[in-house]
Amino acid sequence: MKGMIVVDIDRCLGCKSCELACGVEHSESKELHKAIVEYPTPASRVKVEASEDLSIPLACRQCEDAPCVKVCPTKALERTSQEEPVLINSELCIGCKWCILVCPFGVIRMDKTGKAILKCDMCFKRLLLGKIPSCVLACPTKALQFKSLDEVTAEKRKDYLTKFIKDGKYINETG
C-alpha cells in the first residue's frame, strides 16, 4: 500500500461523489444501479462535511499509533503492518463505541444496525490489486488524491523552499 489519501480542501466542491463511490465499493454488488436497492443500503465510510464556504471529505486518517486499535476490547480493529490501513472485523465488533470516543478526527461511526462500527479501510481490497481507493477515483476535481509518503514530503519541501526563495534570492521571514 504505502500511500495515503491527501485532501486539497480548496478543490472540494462538496459534490459527495466520494461518498457515493465509497458506498458502492462497499456494497455487495459493486454496481450503483444494484447497490441502491440492496438491504441494508450500503454505507459510505467517508463523509463530506460542509460549512459556509468550505467542504471537507472526512475519513479515517489511518493514525500511525491508532488509538482506536489500542482501545478496542475485542481486537476487532487491527493493523497487521504499518503499511496497511486499520481494518475492522465486524464479526468481532461488539458496538461498545470506545473507538468512536478516542478517534481524534471524529470519523468512526456506528453502522445502521448499531452493532458494529464503520470506518474507512482505504478500499484495502482495491489497494491489494494495485488500484487506488474508490473515493479518489471518483473525485471530479482531484480534491482527493492517493499519494506515497515520498510524494507528500517532496511537495512539502518544495512548498517550503518556494516560500523562502524567490527569483533566485533568499527571502527571510521578515520580508
N, C-alpha and C. Protein backbone atom coordinates (compact mmCIF):
# COMPACT_ATOMS: atom_id res chain seq x y z
N MET A 1 0.84 -1.18 0.00
CA MET A 1 0.00 0.00 0.00
C MET A 1 0.88 1.24 0.00
N LYS A 2 1.54 1.52 1.10
CA LYS A 2 2.46 2.64 1.21
C LYS A 2 1.95 3.92 0.58
N GLY A 3 0.78 4.31 0.97
CA GLY A 3 0.22 5.54 0.45
C GLY A 3 -0.83 6.08 1.41
N MET A 4 -1.27 7.29 1.10
CA MET A 4 -2.28 7.92 1.93
C MET A 4 -3.21 8.75 1.06
N ILE A 5 -4.40 8.96 1.56
CA ILE A 5 -5.35 9.82 0.87
C ILE A 5 -5.09 11.24 1.36
N VAL A 6 -4.80 12.12 0.41
CA VAL A 6 -4.50 13.52 0.71
C VAL A 6 -5.66 14.36 0.21
N VAL A 7 -6.07 15.34 1.02
CA VAL A 7 -7.21 16.19 0.70
C VAL A 7 -6.74 17.61 0.40
N ASP A 8 -7.15 18.14 -0.74
CA ASP A 8 -6.93 19.55 -1.07
C ASP A 8 -8.28 20.24 -0.92
N ILE A 9 -8.48 20.86 0.26
CA ILE A 9 -9.80 21.43 0.56
C ILE A 9 -10.18 22.57 -0.36
N ASP A 10 -9.20 23.19 -1.00
CA ASP A 10 -9.51 24.28 -1.93
C ASP A 10 -10.19 23.77 -3.20
N ARG A 11 -10.06 22.47 -3.48
CA ARG A 11 -10.65 21.90 -4.69
C ARG A 11 -12.00 21.22 -4.45
N CYS A 12 -12.33 20.94 -3.19
CA CYS A 12 -13.55 20.20 -2.90
C CYS A 12 -14.78 21.07 -3.15
N LEU A 13 -15.71 20.54 -3.95
CA LEU A 13 -16.96 21.25 -4.26
C LEU A 13 -18.11 20.81 -3.37
N GLY A 14 -17.88 19.75 -2.59
CA GLY A 14 -18.95 19.23 -1.76
C GLY A 14 -19.96 18.41 -2.55
N CYS A 15 -19.55 17.86 -3.68
CA CYS A 15 -20.46 17.12 -4.57
C CYS A 15 -20.83 15.74 -4.04
N LYS A 16 -20.07 15.23 -3.12
CA LYS A 16 -20.31 13.94 -2.47
C LYS A 16 -20.13 12.73 -3.40
N SER A 17 -19.42 12.93 -4.51
CA SER A 17 -19.10 11.80 -5.39
C SER A 17 -18.28 10.75 -4.64
N CYS A 18 -17.44 11.22 -3.73
CA CYS A 18 -16.61 10.30 -2.94
C CYS A 18 -17.48 9.43 -2.04
N GLU A 19 -18.51 10.01 -1.44
CA GLU A 19 -19.43 9.25 -0.58
C GLU A 19 -20.15 8.17 -1.39
N LEU A 20 -20.64 8.55 -2.54
CA LEU A 20 -21.36 7.62 -3.40
C LEU A 20 -20.45 6.47 -3.84
N ALA A 21 -19.25 6.82 -4.29
CA ALA A 21 -18.30 5.79 -4.76
C ALA A 21 -17.93 4.84 -3.62
N CYS A 22 -17.76 5.38 -2.43
CA CYS A 22 -17.42 4.55 -1.27
C CYS A 22 -18.55 3.59 -0.94
N GLY A 23 -19.77 4.09 -0.94
CA GLY A 23 -20.92 3.23 -0.66
C GLY A 23 -21.04 2.11 -1.68
N VAL A 24 -20.86 2.42 -2.94
CA VAL A 24 -20.93 1.40 -3.99
C VAL A 24 -19.80 0.39 -3.83
N GLU A 25 -18.60 0.87 -3.54
CA GLU A 25 -17.45 -0.02 -3.36
C GLU A 25 -17.67 -1.00 -2.21
N HIS A 26 -18.39 -0.57 -1.18
CA HIS A 26 -18.63 -1.44 -0.02
C HIS A 26 -19.98 -2.15 -0.10
N SER A 27 -20.60 -2.12 -1.26
CA SER A 27 -21.86 -2.83 -1.45
C SER A 27 -21.58 -4.28 -1.84
N GLU A 28 -22.61 -5.09 -1.83
CA GLU A 28 -22.47 -6.49 -2.26
C GLU A 28 -22.22 -6.58 -3.76
N SER A 29 -22.95 -5.78 -4.53
CA SER A 29 -22.91 -5.89 -5.99
C SER A 29 -21.76 -5.13 -6.64
N LYS A 30 -21.30 -4.05 -5.99
CA LYS A 30 -20.26 -3.16 -6.53
C LYS A 30 -20.74 -2.41 -7.78
N GLU A 31 -22.07 -2.35 -7.96
CA GLU A 31 -22.67 -1.63 -9.08
C GLU A 31 -23.74 -0.69 -8.55
N LEU A 32 -23.70 0.57 -8.99
CA LEU A 32 -24.62 1.59 -8.47
C LEU A 32 -26.08 1.20 -8.62
N HIS A 33 -26.48 0.80 -9.81
CA HIS A 33 -27.91 0.53 -10.03
C HIS A 33 -28.41 -0.66 -9.19
N LYS A 34 -27.52 -1.55 -8.79
CA LYS A 34 -27.92 -2.66 -7.91
C LYS A 34 -27.76 -2.28 -6.45
N ALA A 35 -26.74 -1.50 -6.14
CA ALA A 35 -26.45 -1.14 -4.74
C ALA A 35 -27.58 -0.33 -4.11
N ILE A 36 -28.25 0.50 -4.90
CA ILE A 36 -29.30 1.35 -4.31
C ILE A 36 -30.53 0.57 -3.85
N VAL A 37 -30.66 -0.68 -4.28
CA VAL A 37 -31.80 -1.49 -3.84
C VAL A 37 -31.38 -2.60 -2.89
N GLU A 38 -30.10 -2.63 -2.50
CA GLU A 38 -29.63 -3.65 -1.57
C GLU A 38 -30.16 -3.36 -0.16
N TYR A 39 -30.31 -4.42 0.61
CA TYR A 39 -30.68 -4.25 2.01
C TYR A 39 -29.68 -5.01 2.86
N PRO A 40 -29.09 -4.37 3.84
CA PRO A 40 -29.20 -2.95 4.13
C PRO A 40 -28.50 -2.12 3.06
N THR A 41 -28.94 -0.88 2.94
CA THR A 41 -28.34 0.03 1.96
C THR A 41 -26.86 0.20 2.30
N PRO A 42 -25.99 0.09 1.30
CA PRO A 42 -24.55 0.25 1.57
C PRO A 42 -24.25 1.63 2.16
N ALA A 43 -23.31 1.66 3.07
CA ALA A 43 -22.96 2.91 3.74
C ALA A 43 -21.56 3.35 3.34
N SER A 44 -21.42 4.64 3.19
CA SER A 44 -20.12 5.23 2.87
C SER A 44 -19.27 5.31 4.13
N ARG A 45 -17.97 5.19 3.96
CA ARG A 45 -17.04 5.34 5.07
C ARG A 45 -16.38 6.71 5.06
N VAL A 46 -16.74 7.54 4.10
CA VAL A 46 -16.26 8.92 4.03
C VAL A 46 -17.49 9.82 4.11
N LYS A 47 -17.34 10.97 4.74
CA LYS A 47 -18.46 11.89 4.87
C LYS A 47 -17.98 13.29 4.54
N VAL A 48 -18.69 13.95 3.66
CA VAL A 48 -18.35 15.32 3.30
C VAL A 48 -19.06 16.25 4.27
N GLU A 49 -18.27 16.99 5.01
CA GLU A 49 -18.80 17.98 5.94
C GLU A 49 -18.69 19.35 5.28
N ALA A 50 -19.72 20.14 5.41
CA ALA A 50 -19.72 21.46 4.77
C ALA A 50 -20.08 22.54 5.77
N SER A 51 -19.45 23.68 5.59
CA SER A 51 -19.83 24.88 6.32
C SER A 51 -20.02 25.96 5.26
N GLU A 52 -20.02 27.21 5.63
CA GLU A 52 -20.36 28.28 4.70
C GLU A 52 -19.62 28.20 3.36
N ASP A 53 -18.32 28.33 3.37
CA ASP A 53 -17.55 28.36 2.12
C ASP A 53 -16.59 27.19 1.99
N LEU A 54 -16.79 26.15 2.77
CA LEU A 54 -15.80 25.09 2.83
C LEU A 54 -16.46 23.72 2.88
N SER A 55 -15.96 22.80 2.09
CA SER A 55 -16.39 21.41 2.15
C SER A 55 -15.15 20.56 2.35
N ILE A 56 -15.25 19.59 3.25
CA ILE A 56 -14.11 18.73 3.53
C ILE A 56 -14.57 17.28 3.59
N PRO A 57 -14.00 16.42 2.73
CA PRO A 57 -14.28 15.00 2.85
C PRO A 57 -13.50 14.42 4.03
N LEU A 58 -14.20 13.84 4.99
CA LEU A 58 -13.57 13.30 6.18
C LEU A 58 -13.62 11.78 6.17
N ALA A 59 -12.48 11.18 6.42
CA ALA A 59 -12.37 9.73 6.51
C ALA A 59 -11.26 9.41 7.48
N CYS A 60 -11.14 8.17 7.86
CA CYS A 60 -10.10 7.73 8.77
C CYS A 60 -8.73 8.17 8.25
N ARG A 61 -7.94 8.76 9.10
CA ARG A 61 -6.60 9.24 8.71
C ARG A 61 -5.54 8.17 8.93
N GLN A 62 -5.95 6.99 9.33
CA GLN A 62 -5.03 5.85 9.48
C GLN A 62 -3.84 6.22 10.38
N CYS A 63 -4.14 6.68 11.57
CA CYS A 63 -3.11 7.12 12.52
C CYS A 63 -2.01 6.08 12.66
N GLU A 64 -0.79 6.57 12.72
CA GLU A 64 0.36 5.67 12.87
C GLU A 64 0.25 4.86 14.16
N ASP A 65 -0.10 5.53 15.24
CA ASP A 65 -0.26 4.89 16.54
C ASP A 65 -1.74 4.97 16.90
N ALA A 66 -2.56 4.27 16.15
CA ALA A 66 -4.02 4.41 16.19
C ALA A 66 -4.63 4.13 17.57
N PRO A 67 -5.23 5.16 18.19
CA PRO A 67 -5.85 4.96 19.50
C PRO A 67 -7.05 4.01 19.43
N CYS A 68 -7.73 3.95 18.30
CA CYS A 68 -8.89 3.06 18.18
C CYS A 68 -8.46 1.59 18.30
N VAL A 69 -7.31 1.27 17.73
CA VAL A 69 -6.80 -0.11 17.81
C VAL A 69 -6.45 -0.44 19.26
N LYS A 70 -5.82 0.51 19.94
CA LYS A 70 -5.39 0.28 21.32
C LYS A 70 -6.57 0.07 22.27
N VAL A 71 -7.67 0.79 22.04
CA VAL A 71 -8.78 0.76 22.98
C VAL A 71 -9.77 -0.38 22.70
N CYS A 72 -9.73 -0.98 21.53
CA CYS A 72 -10.72 -2.00 21.16
C CYS A 72 -10.59 -3.25 22.04
N PRO A 73 -11.61 -3.54 22.84
CA PRO A 73 -11.52 -4.67 23.77
C PRO A 73 -11.57 -6.05 23.10
N THR A 74 -12.10 -6.13 21.89
CA THR A 74 -12.24 -7.43 21.23
C THR A 74 -11.23 -7.63 20.10
N LYS A 75 -10.37 -6.64 19.89
CA LYS A 75 -9.38 -6.67 18.79
C LYS A 75 -10.06 -6.71 17.42
N ALA A 76 -11.27 -6.10 17.36
CA ALA A 76 -11.98 -6.01 16.09
C ALA A 76 -11.28 -5.05 15.14
N LEU A 77 -10.59 -4.07 15.71
CA LEU A 77 -9.79 -3.14 14.91
C LEU A 77 -8.34 -3.60 14.96
N GLU A 78 -7.74 -3.71 13.78
CA GLU A 78 -6.35 -4.14 13.76
C GLU A 78 -5.62 -3.61 12.54
N ARG A 79 -4.33 -3.56 12.67
CA ARG A 79 -3.44 -3.22 11.57
C ARG A 79 -2.33 -4.27 11.61
N THR A 80 -2.19 -5.01 10.53
CA THR A 80 -1.21 -6.09 10.53
C THR A 80 0.20 -5.61 10.23
N SER A 81 0.32 -4.42 9.60
CA SER A 81 1.64 -3.82 9.39
C SER A 81 1.46 -2.31 9.25
N GLN A 82 2.53 -1.56 9.43
CA GLN A 82 2.46 -0.10 9.35
C GLN A 82 2.09 0.38 7.95
N GLU A 83 2.29 -0.44 6.93
CA GLU A 83 1.96 -0.06 5.56
C GLU A 83 0.50 -0.29 5.21
N GLU A 84 -0.24 -0.92 6.11
CA GLU A 84 -1.63 -1.24 5.84
C GLU A 84 -2.55 -0.33 6.66
N PRO A 85 -3.79 -0.14 6.17
CA PRO A 85 -4.74 0.66 6.93
C PRO A 85 -5.27 -0.10 8.15
N VAL A 86 -5.87 0.61 9.06
CA VAL A 86 -6.55 0.00 10.19
C VAL A 86 -7.85 -0.60 9.64
N LEU A 87 -8.04 -1.89 9.87
CA LEU A 87 -9.21 -2.60 9.35
C LEU A 87 -10.13 -3.02 10.48
N ILE A 88 -11.41 -3.14 10.16
CA ILE A 88 -12.42 -3.57 11.13
C ILE A 88 -12.92 -4.97 10.77
N ASN A 89 -12.95 -5.83 11.76
CA ASN A 89 -13.59 -7.13 11.61
C ASN A 89 -14.95 -7.00 12.28
N SER A 90 -15.98 -6.78 11.48
CA SER A 90 -17.33 -6.52 12.01
C SER A 90 -17.87 -7.67 12.84
N GLU A 91 -17.39 -8.89 12.57
CA GLU A 91 -17.84 -10.05 13.35
C GLU A 91 -17.38 -9.97 14.80
N LEU A 92 -16.24 -9.33 15.03
CA LEU A 92 -15.70 -9.21 16.39
C LEU A 92 -16.19 -7.96 17.11
N CYS A 93 -16.68 -6.98 16.37
CA CYS A 93 -17.10 -5.71 16.97
C CYS A 93 -18.35 -5.91 17.81
N ILE A 94 -18.31 -5.40 19.03
CA ILE A 94 -19.46 -5.52 19.94
C ILE A 94 -20.24 -4.20 20.06
N GLY A 95 -19.82 -3.19 19.31
CA GLY A 95 -20.53 -1.91 19.33
C GLY A 95 -20.37 -1.13 20.61
N CYS A 96 -19.24 -1.28 21.29
CA CYS A 96 -19.03 -0.59 22.57
C CYS A 96 -18.78 0.91 22.39
N LYS A 97 -18.39 1.33 21.21
CA LYS A 97 -18.18 2.74 20.84
C LYS A 97 -16.94 3.38 21.46
N TRP A 98 -16.07 2.60 22.06
CA TRP A 98 -14.86 3.16 22.64
C TRP A 98 -13.99 3.80 21.57
N CYS A 99 -13.93 3.16 20.41
CA CYS A 99 -13.12 3.70 19.31
C CYS A 99 -13.66 5.05 18.84
N ILE A 100 -14.96 5.20 18.85
CA ILE A 100 -15.58 6.47 18.47
C ILE A 100 -15.14 7.57 19.42
N LEU A 101 -15.08 7.25 20.70
CA LEU A 101 -14.71 8.23 21.71
C LEU A 101 -13.25 8.67 21.60
N VAL A 102 -12.36 7.76 21.21
CA VAL A 102 -10.93 8.11 21.18
C VAL A 102 -10.44 8.58 19.82
N CYS A 103 -11.24 8.48 18.79
CA CYS A 103 -10.80 8.91 17.46
C CYS A 103 -10.56 10.42 17.45
N PRO A 104 -9.33 10.84 17.18
CA PRO A 104 -9.04 12.28 17.21
C PRO A 104 -9.69 13.08 16.09
N PHE A 105 -10.19 12.40 15.06
CA PHE A 105 -10.78 13.09 13.92
C PHE A 105 -12.30 12.94 13.85
N GLY A 106 -12.88 12.16 14.74
CA GLY A 106 -14.33 12.00 14.77
C GLY A 106 -14.90 11.36 13.53
N VAL A 107 -14.18 10.41 12.94
CA VAL A 107 -14.61 9.84 11.67
C VAL A 107 -15.12 8.40 11.77
N ILE A 108 -15.11 7.83 12.95
CA ILE A 108 -15.65 6.49 13.14
C ILE A 108 -17.10 6.65 13.60
N ARG A 109 -17.98 5.83 13.03
CA ARG A 109 -19.38 5.91 13.44
C ARG A 109 -20.01 4.52 13.42
N MET A 110 -21.19 4.41 13.99
CA MET A 110 -21.89 3.13 14.03
C MET A 110 -22.56 2.85 12.69
N ASP A 111 -22.66 1.57 12.36
CA ASP A 111 -23.40 1.20 11.16
C ASP A 111 -24.89 1.32 11.45
N LYS A 112 -25.71 1.10 10.45
CA LYS A 112 -27.16 1.29 10.60
C LYS A 112 -27.79 0.32 11.58
N THR A 113 -27.16 -0.83 11.78
CA THR A 113 -27.71 -1.81 12.71
C THR A 113 -27.39 -1.46 14.16
N GLY A 114 -26.37 -0.62 14.37
CA GLY A 114 -25.95 -0.28 15.72
C GLY A 114 -25.13 -1.36 16.39
N LYS A 115 -24.72 -2.37 15.61
CA LYS A 115 -23.98 -3.50 16.18
C LYS A 115 -22.48 -3.44 15.90
N ALA A 116 -22.08 -2.64 14.94
CA ALA A 116 -20.66 -2.56 14.58
C ALA A 116 -20.35 -1.16 14.06
N ILE A 117 -19.07 -0.85 14.01
CA ILE A 117 -18.67 0.47 13.54
C ILE A 117 -18.37 0.44 12.04
N LEU A 118 -18.34 1.65 11.47
CA LEU A 118 -17.91 1.87 10.10
C LEU A 118 -16.72 2.81 10.11
N LYS A 119 -15.72 2.51 9.31
CA LYS A 119 -14.58 3.40 9.16
C LYS A 119 -13.92 3.11 7.83
N CYS A 120 -13.21 4.08 7.33
CA CYS A 120 -12.52 3.94 6.06
C CYS A 120 -11.44 2.86 6.15
N ASP A 121 -11.43 1.99 5.15
CA ASP A 121 -10.38 0.97 5.06
C ASP A 121 -9.48 1.23 3.85
N MET A 122 -9.60 2.44 3.30
CA MET A 122 -8.85 2.86 2.11
C MET A 122 -9.07 1.90 0.94
N CYS A 123 -10.24 1.27 0.92
CA CYS A 123 -10.56 0.28 -0.13
C CYS A 123 -9.42 -0.73 -0.22
N PHE A 124 -9.13 -1.36 0.90
CA PHE A 124 -7.97 -2.24 1.02
C PHE A 124 -7.91 -3.32 -0.06
N LYS A 125 -9.06 -3.88 -0.41
CA LYS A 125 -9.08 -4.90 -1.47
C LYS A 125 -8.63 -4.32 -2.80
N ARG A 126 -9.00 -3.08 -3.07
CA ARG A 126 -8.55 -2.40 -4.29
C ARG A 126 -7.03 -2.17 -4.25
N LEU A 127 -6.55 -1.74 -3.08
CA LEU A 127 -5.11 -1.49 -2.94
C LEU A 127 -4.30 -2.75 -3.22
N LEU A 128 -4.80 -3.88 -2.73
CA LEU A 128 -4.11 -5.15 -2.95
C LEU A 128 -4.02 -5.50 -4.44
N LEU A 129 -4.96 -4.97 -5.22
CA LEU A 129 -4.97 -5.19 -6.67
C LEU A 129 -4.20 -4.11 -7.43
N GLY A 130 -3.58 -3.20 -6.68
CA GLY A 130 -2.83 -2.11 -7.31
C GLY A 130 -3.68 -0.95 -7.77
N LYS A 131 -4.93 -0.88 -7.29
CA LYS A 131 -5.84 0.20 -7.66
C LYS A 131 -5.87 1.24 -6.55
N ILE A 132 -6.36 2.43 -6.88
CA ILE A 132 -6.49 3.48 -5.88
C ILE A 132 -7.87 3.40 -5.22
N PRO A 133 -8.02 4.00 -4.04
CA PRO A 133 -9.32 3.98 -3.37
C PRO A 133 -10.42 4.59 -4.26
N SER A 134 -11.63 4.06 -4.12
CA SER A 134 -12.73 4.48 -4.99
C SER A 134 -13.09 5.95 -4.81
N CYS A 135 -12.95 6.49 -3.61
CA CYS A 135 -13.27 7.91 -3.40
C CYS A 135 -12.33 8.80 -4.20
N VAL A 136 -11.06 8.42 -4.27
CA VAL A 136 -10.07 9.18 -5.02
C VAL A 136 -10.39 9.11 -6.51
N LEU A 137 -10.70 7.93 -6.97
CA LEU A 137 -11.04 7.72 -8.39
C LEU A 137 -12.27 8.53 -8.80
N ALA A 138 -13.23 8.65 -7.90
CA ALA A 138 -14.50 9.32 -8.22
C ALA A 138 -14.44 10.84 -8.12
N CYS A 139 -13.44 11.39 -7.48
CA CYS A 139 -13.41 12.84 -7.24
C CYS A 139 -13.19 13.61 -8.54
N PRO A 140 -14.19 14.37 -8.99
CA PRO A 140 -14.07 15.05 -10.29
C PRO A 140 -13.07 16.21 -10.31
N THR A 141 -12.76 16.77 -9.15
CA THR A 141 -11.85 17.92 -9.09
C THR A 141 -10.45 17.55 -8.60
N LYS A 142 -10.25 16.28 -8.32
CA LYS A 142 -8.96 15.79 -7.78
C LYS A 142 -8.67 16.40 -6.42
N ALA A 143 -9.72 16.70 -5.65
CA ALA A 143 -9.53 17.18 -4.28
C ALA A 143 -8.99 16.06 -3.41
N LEU A 144 -9.31 14.82 -3.79
CA LEU A 144 -8.77 13.65 -3.11
C LEU A 144 -7.73 13.02 -4.02
N GLN A 145 -6.57 12.74 -3.46
CA GLN A 145 -5.50 12.09 -4.22
C GLN A 145 -4.86 11.02 -3.35
N PHE A 146 -4.40 9.97 -3.98
CA PHE A 146 -3.68 8.91 -3.28
C PHE A 146 -2.21 9.09 -3.61
N LYS A 147 -1.42 9.38 -2.57
CA LYS A 147 0.00 9.68 -2.77
C LYS A 147 0.86 8.87 -1.83
N SER A 148 2.08 8.64 -2.26
CA SER A 148 3.05 7.98 -1.39
C SER A 148 3.58 9.00 -0.39
N LEU A 149 4.15 8.50 0.68
CA LEU A 149 4.74 9.39 1.68
C LEU A 149 5.87 10.20 1.06
N ASP A 150 6.63 9.59 0.17
CA ASP A 150 7.72 10.30 -0.51
C ASP A 150 7.18 11.47 -1.34
N GLU A 151 6.06 11.27 -2.03
CA GLU A 151 5.46 12.34 -2.82
C GLU A 151 5.00 13.49 -1.93
N VAL A 152 4.38 13.16 -0.81
CA VAL A 152 3.88 14.18 0.10
C VAL A 152 5.03 14.98 0.69
N THR A 153 6.08 14.30 1.14
CA THR A 153 7.20 15.03 1.74
C THR A 153 7.94 15.87 0.70
N ALA A 154 8.07 15.37 -0.54
CA ALA A 154 8.72 16.15 -1.60
C ALA A 154 7.94 17.43 -1.89
N GLU A 155 6.59 17.34 -1.92
CA GLU A 155 5.76 18.52 -2.15
C GLU A 155 5.89 19.52 -1.01
N LYS A 156 5.95 19.01 0.21
CA LYS A 156 6.09 19.91 1.37
C LYS A 156 7.45 20.62 1.33
N ARG A 157 8.51 19.89 0.97
CA ARG A 157 9.83 20.53 0.85
C ARG A 157 9.81 21.60 -0.22
N LYS A 158 9.20 21.29 -1.36
CA LYS A 158 9.13 22.26 -2.46
C LYS A 158 8.36 23.50 -2.03
N ASP A 159 7.22 23.32 -1.37
CA ASP A 159 6.43 24.45 -0.89
C ASP A 159 7.22 25.30 0.09
N TYR A 160 7.94 24.64 0.98
CA TYR A 160 8.74 25.36 1.98
C TYR A 160 9.84 26.17 1.31
N LEU A 161 10.55 25.55 0.39
CA LEU A 161 11.63 26.24 -0.31
C LEU A 161 11.10 27.38 -1.17
N THR A 162 9.97 27.17 -1.83
CA THR A 162 9.36 28.19 -2.68
C THR A 162 8.97 29.41 -1.85
N LYS A 163 8.56 29.16 -0.62
CA LYS A 163 8.16 30.25 0.26
C LYS A 163 9.35 31.16 0.60
N PHE A 164 10.54 30.59 0.69
CA PHE A 164 11.70 31.37 1.13
C PHE A 164 12.69 31.72 0.03
N ILE A 165 12.48 31.18 -1.15
CA ILE A 165 13.38 31.52 -2.26
C ILE A 165 12.54 32.02 -3.42
N LYS A 166 12.79 33.24 -3.85
CA LYS A 166 12.02 33.80 -4.95
C LYS A 166 13.00 34.48 -5.90
N ASP A 167 12.85 34.20 -7.17
CA ASP A 167 13.71 34.78 -8.20
C ASP A 167 15.20 34.56 -7.90
N GLY A 168 15.51 33.37 -7.37
CA GLY A 168 16.89 33.03 -7.09
C GLY A 168 17.48 33.72 -5.88
N LYS A 169 16.66 34.40 -5.09
CA LYS A 169 17.16 35.12 -3.92
C LYS A 169 16.47 34.58 -2.66
N TYR A 170 17.25 34.50 -1.60
CA TYR A 170 16.72 34.08 -0.32
C TYR A 170 15.89 35.20 0.29
N ILE A 171 14.70 34.88 0.76
CA ILE A 171 13.83 35.85 1.40
C ILE A 171 13.65 35.42 2.84
N ASN A 172 14.05 36.27 3.79
CA ASN A 172 13.86 35.90 5.19
C ASN A 172 12.40 36.14 5.58
N GLU A 173 12.03 35.64 6.75
CA GLU A 173 10.64 35.71 7.16
C GLU A 173 10.14 37.12 7.41
N THR A 174 11.03 38.07 7.62
CA THR A 174 10.58 39.43 7.89
C THR A 174 10.40 40.23 6.61
N GLY A 175 10.74 39.64 5.46
CA GLY A 175 10.47 40.32 4.22
C GLY A 175 11.70 40.65 3.49
